[in-house]
Protein backbone atom coordinates (compact mmCIF):
# COMPACT_ATOMS: atom_id res chain seq x y z
CA UNK A 1 78.89 77.62 76.42
CA UNK A 2 82.07 77.29 74.30
CA UNK A 3 84.85 74.99 75.17
CA UNK A 4 88.03 76.33 77.43
CA UNK A 5 91.30 76.51 75.95
CA UNK A 6 93.36 73.44 78.04
CA UNK A 7 97.58 73.73 77.22
CA UNK A 8 97.85 70.83 77.53
CA UNK A 9 99.48 69.96 74.24
CA UNK A 10 99.09 65.45 74.65
CA UNK A 11 101.35 65.40 71.05
CA UNK A 12 104.13 67.46 72.66
CA UNK A 13 103.54 64.63 74.97
CA UNK A 14 104.22 61.77 72.62
CA UNK A 15 107.39 63.69 70.83
CA UNK A 16 109.22 64.55 74.88
CA UNK A 17 109.83 60.88 76.85
CA UNK A 18 107.11 61.97 79.30
CA UNK A 19 106.16 58.16 80.89
CA UNK A 20 107.17 59.77 84.02
CA UNK A 21 105.10 62.22 85.21
CA UNK A 22 102.88 60.70 83.38
CA UNK A 23 102.07 57.87 85.73
CA UNK A 24 102.79 60.42 88.77
CA UNK A 25 100.45 61.02 90.97
CA UNK A 26 101.73 64.52 91.64
CA UNK A 27 102.41 65.59 87.93
CA UNK A 28 98.64 64.72 87.11
CA UNK A 29 97.65 66.13 90.70
CA UNK A 30 99.28 69.35 89.78
CA UNK A 31 98.04 69.32 85.83
CA UNK A 32 94.67 68.65 86.76
CA UNK A 33 94.37 70.49 89.71
CA UNK A 34 95.25 73.83 87.34
CA UNK A 35 93.10 72.76 84.10
CA UNK A 36 90.45 72.29 86.88
CA UNK A 37 90.68 76.16 88.30
CA UNK A 38 90.60 77.61 85.18
CA UNK A 39 87.31 75.94 84.14
CA UNK A 40 86.21 77.08 87.69
CA UNK A 41 87.06 80.50 87.14
CA UNK A 42 85.65 80.18 83.32
CA UNK A 43 81.96 79.33 84.38
CA UNK A 44 82.09 81.47 87.54
CA UNK A 45 83.89 84.31 85.13
CA UNK A 46 79.84 86.45 86.19
CA UNK A 47 79.81 85.71 90.64
CA UNK A 48 83.88 86.61 89.91
CA UNK A 49 83.99 84.02 92.68
CA UNK A 50 87.18 82.61 93.33
CA UNK A 51 86.61 79.34 94.32
CA UNK A 52 88.15 79.26 97.98
CA UNK A 53 85.76 81.65 98.04
CA UNK A 54 82.14 79.85 96.61
CA UNK A 55 83.83 76.82 99.82
CA UNK A 56 83.74 80.32 101.93
CA UNK A 57 80.16 81.58 101.44
CA UNK A 58 78.68 78.52 101.01
CA UNK A 59 79.57 77.23 103.65
CA UNK A 60 78.30 79.74 106.22
CA UNK A 61 75.58 80.12 104.45
CA UNK A 62 74.25 75.91 105.34
CA UNK A 63 76.15 76.91 108.49
CA UNK A 64 75.37 80.93 109.88
CA UNK A 65 76.83 82.11 113.16
CA UNK A 66 79.23 79.67 113.19
CA UNK A 67 82.53 80.75 114.79
CA UNK A 68 85.94 82.19 112.09
CA UNK A 69 87.55 79.71 113.16
CA UNK A 70 85.32 76.38 112.54
CA UNK A 71 84.58 77.80 109.35
CA UNK A 72 88.53 77.87 108.70
CA UNK A 73 89.10 74.80 110.39
CA UNK A 74 86.44 72.62 108.82
CA UNK A 75 87.86 73.96 105.25
CA UNK A 76 91.50 74.06 106.59
CA UNK A 77 92.78 77.01 105.26
CA UNK A 78 95.31 78.60 107.89
CA UNK A 79 94.30 81.30 110.23
CA UNK A 80 96.07 83.79 108.91
CA UNK A 81 95.17 83.49 105.03
CA UNK A 82 91.14 82.84 105.89
CA UNK A 83 91.97 86.27 107.65
CA UNK A 84 92.98 88.48 105.33
CA UNK A 85 89.90 85.62 102.79
CA UNK A 86 87.45 87.23 105.27
CA UNK A 87 88.51 91.32 104.89
CA UNK A 88 88.16 90.54 101.35
CA UNK A 89 84.53 89.71 101.27
CA UNK A 90 83.73 91.76 103.56
CA UNK A 91 85.29 94.86 101.60
CA UNK A 92 82.84 93.72 98.61
CA UNK A 93 79.76 93.79 101.45
CA UNK A 94 78.93 89.29 100.65
CA UNK A 95 79.76 88.76 104.44
CA UNK A 96 79.80 90.23 108.34
CA UNK A 97 81.30 89.32 111.64
CA UNK A 98 79.25 89.69 114.35
CA UNK A 99 80.65 89.66 118.36
CA UNK A 100 79.95 85.84 119.63
CA UNK A 101 78.76 86.81 123.55
CA UNK A 102 80.51 85.48 126.08
CA UNK A 103 83.46 85.19 123.63
CA UNK A 104 85.10 88.43 123.23
CA UNK A 105 88.04 87.35 120.30
CA UNK A 106 85.98 85.63 118.15
CA UNK A 107 83.58 86.15 115.41
CA UNK A 108 80.44 84.69 114.09
CA UNK A 109 79.64 84.33 110.32
CA UNK A 110 77.39 85.33 108.10
CA UNK A 111 76.47 86.01 104.55
CA UNK A 112 74.70 89.59 104.37
CA UNK A 113 72.10 90.32 101.80
CA UNK A 114 74.35 90.87 98.69
CA UNK A 115 75.98 88.08 99.02
CA UNK A 116 72.99 85.45 99.78
CA UNK A 117 72.29 86.50 96.67
CA UNK A 118 76.12 86.04 94.84
CA UNK A 119 75.76 82.60 96.25
CA UNK A 120 72.03 82.10 94.30
CA UNK A 121 73.60 83.09 91.06
CA UNK A 122 77.11 81.49 92.24
CA UNK A 123 75.36 78.10 92.57
CA UNK A 124 73.74 78.46 88.81
CA UNK A 125 77.37 78.34 87.78
CA UNK A 126 78.24 75.91 90.24
CA UNK A 127 75.72 73.68 88.45
CA UNK A 128 76.25 74.07 84.89
CA UNK A 129 80.02 73.82 86.47
CA UNK A 130 79.43 70.32 87.80
CA UNK A 131 77.01 69.32 84.99
CA UNK A 132 80.21 69.25 83.30
CA UNK A 133 82.35 67.62 84.83
CA UNK A 134 79.83 65.15 85.47
CA UNK A 135 79.93 64.51 82.11
CA UNK A 136 83.80 64.13 82.19
CA UNK A 137 83.40 61.89 84.57
CA UNK A 138 81.25 59.76 82.72
CA UNK A 139 78.18 60.05 85.56
CA UNK A 140 77.04 59.68 88.64
CA UNK A 141 78.74 56.05 89.11
CA UNK A 142 82.21 57.85 87.95
CA UNK A 143 82.23 60.65 90.08
CA UNK A 144 81.63 58.47 92.98
CA UNK A 145 83.58 56.23 92.61
CA UNK A 146 86.57 59.77 91.80
CA UNK A 147 85.12 61.20 95.45
CA UNK A 148 86.21 58.20 97.76
CA UNK A 149 89.44 58.30 95.86
CA UNK A 150 90.14 61.44 96.28
CA UNK A 151 89.14 60.19 100.25
CA UNK A 152 91.53 57.84 100.75
CA UNK A 153 94.10 59.85 99.39
CA UNK A 154 93.76 62.71 101.00
CA UNK A 155 91.05 62.06 103.59
């Protein structure tokens, strides 16, 4: 796999007084998020999925028939944004909404066969992406510590 170009220039940061942003959690998270998304998109380019779409497909696959509102809440996606997202996934024939018996206002979510197939391909991309992240973090122990710190910060 080719090396992904980084827009971050450490030499330029050294030429500037960047001590404030270098120690800023806000700045580091924003910069890391941007690089993370670029890396994700690189690994998932063949399956044409964004991080949020992959998360939705994976959660539906693990919880078929759950209500749309439950999946959205579990992923922290606002209802209006989730409806738009589901419309996109449905138009790509990856998911389907079915009426929930005894609750006309709710929909249960399922993957279509095409969605299951795409998720299978995406899982291979995820394995490669996770391996890259694991290597960058320095192994499973560092990854576990990193995830613990993120949960502490935002959990």
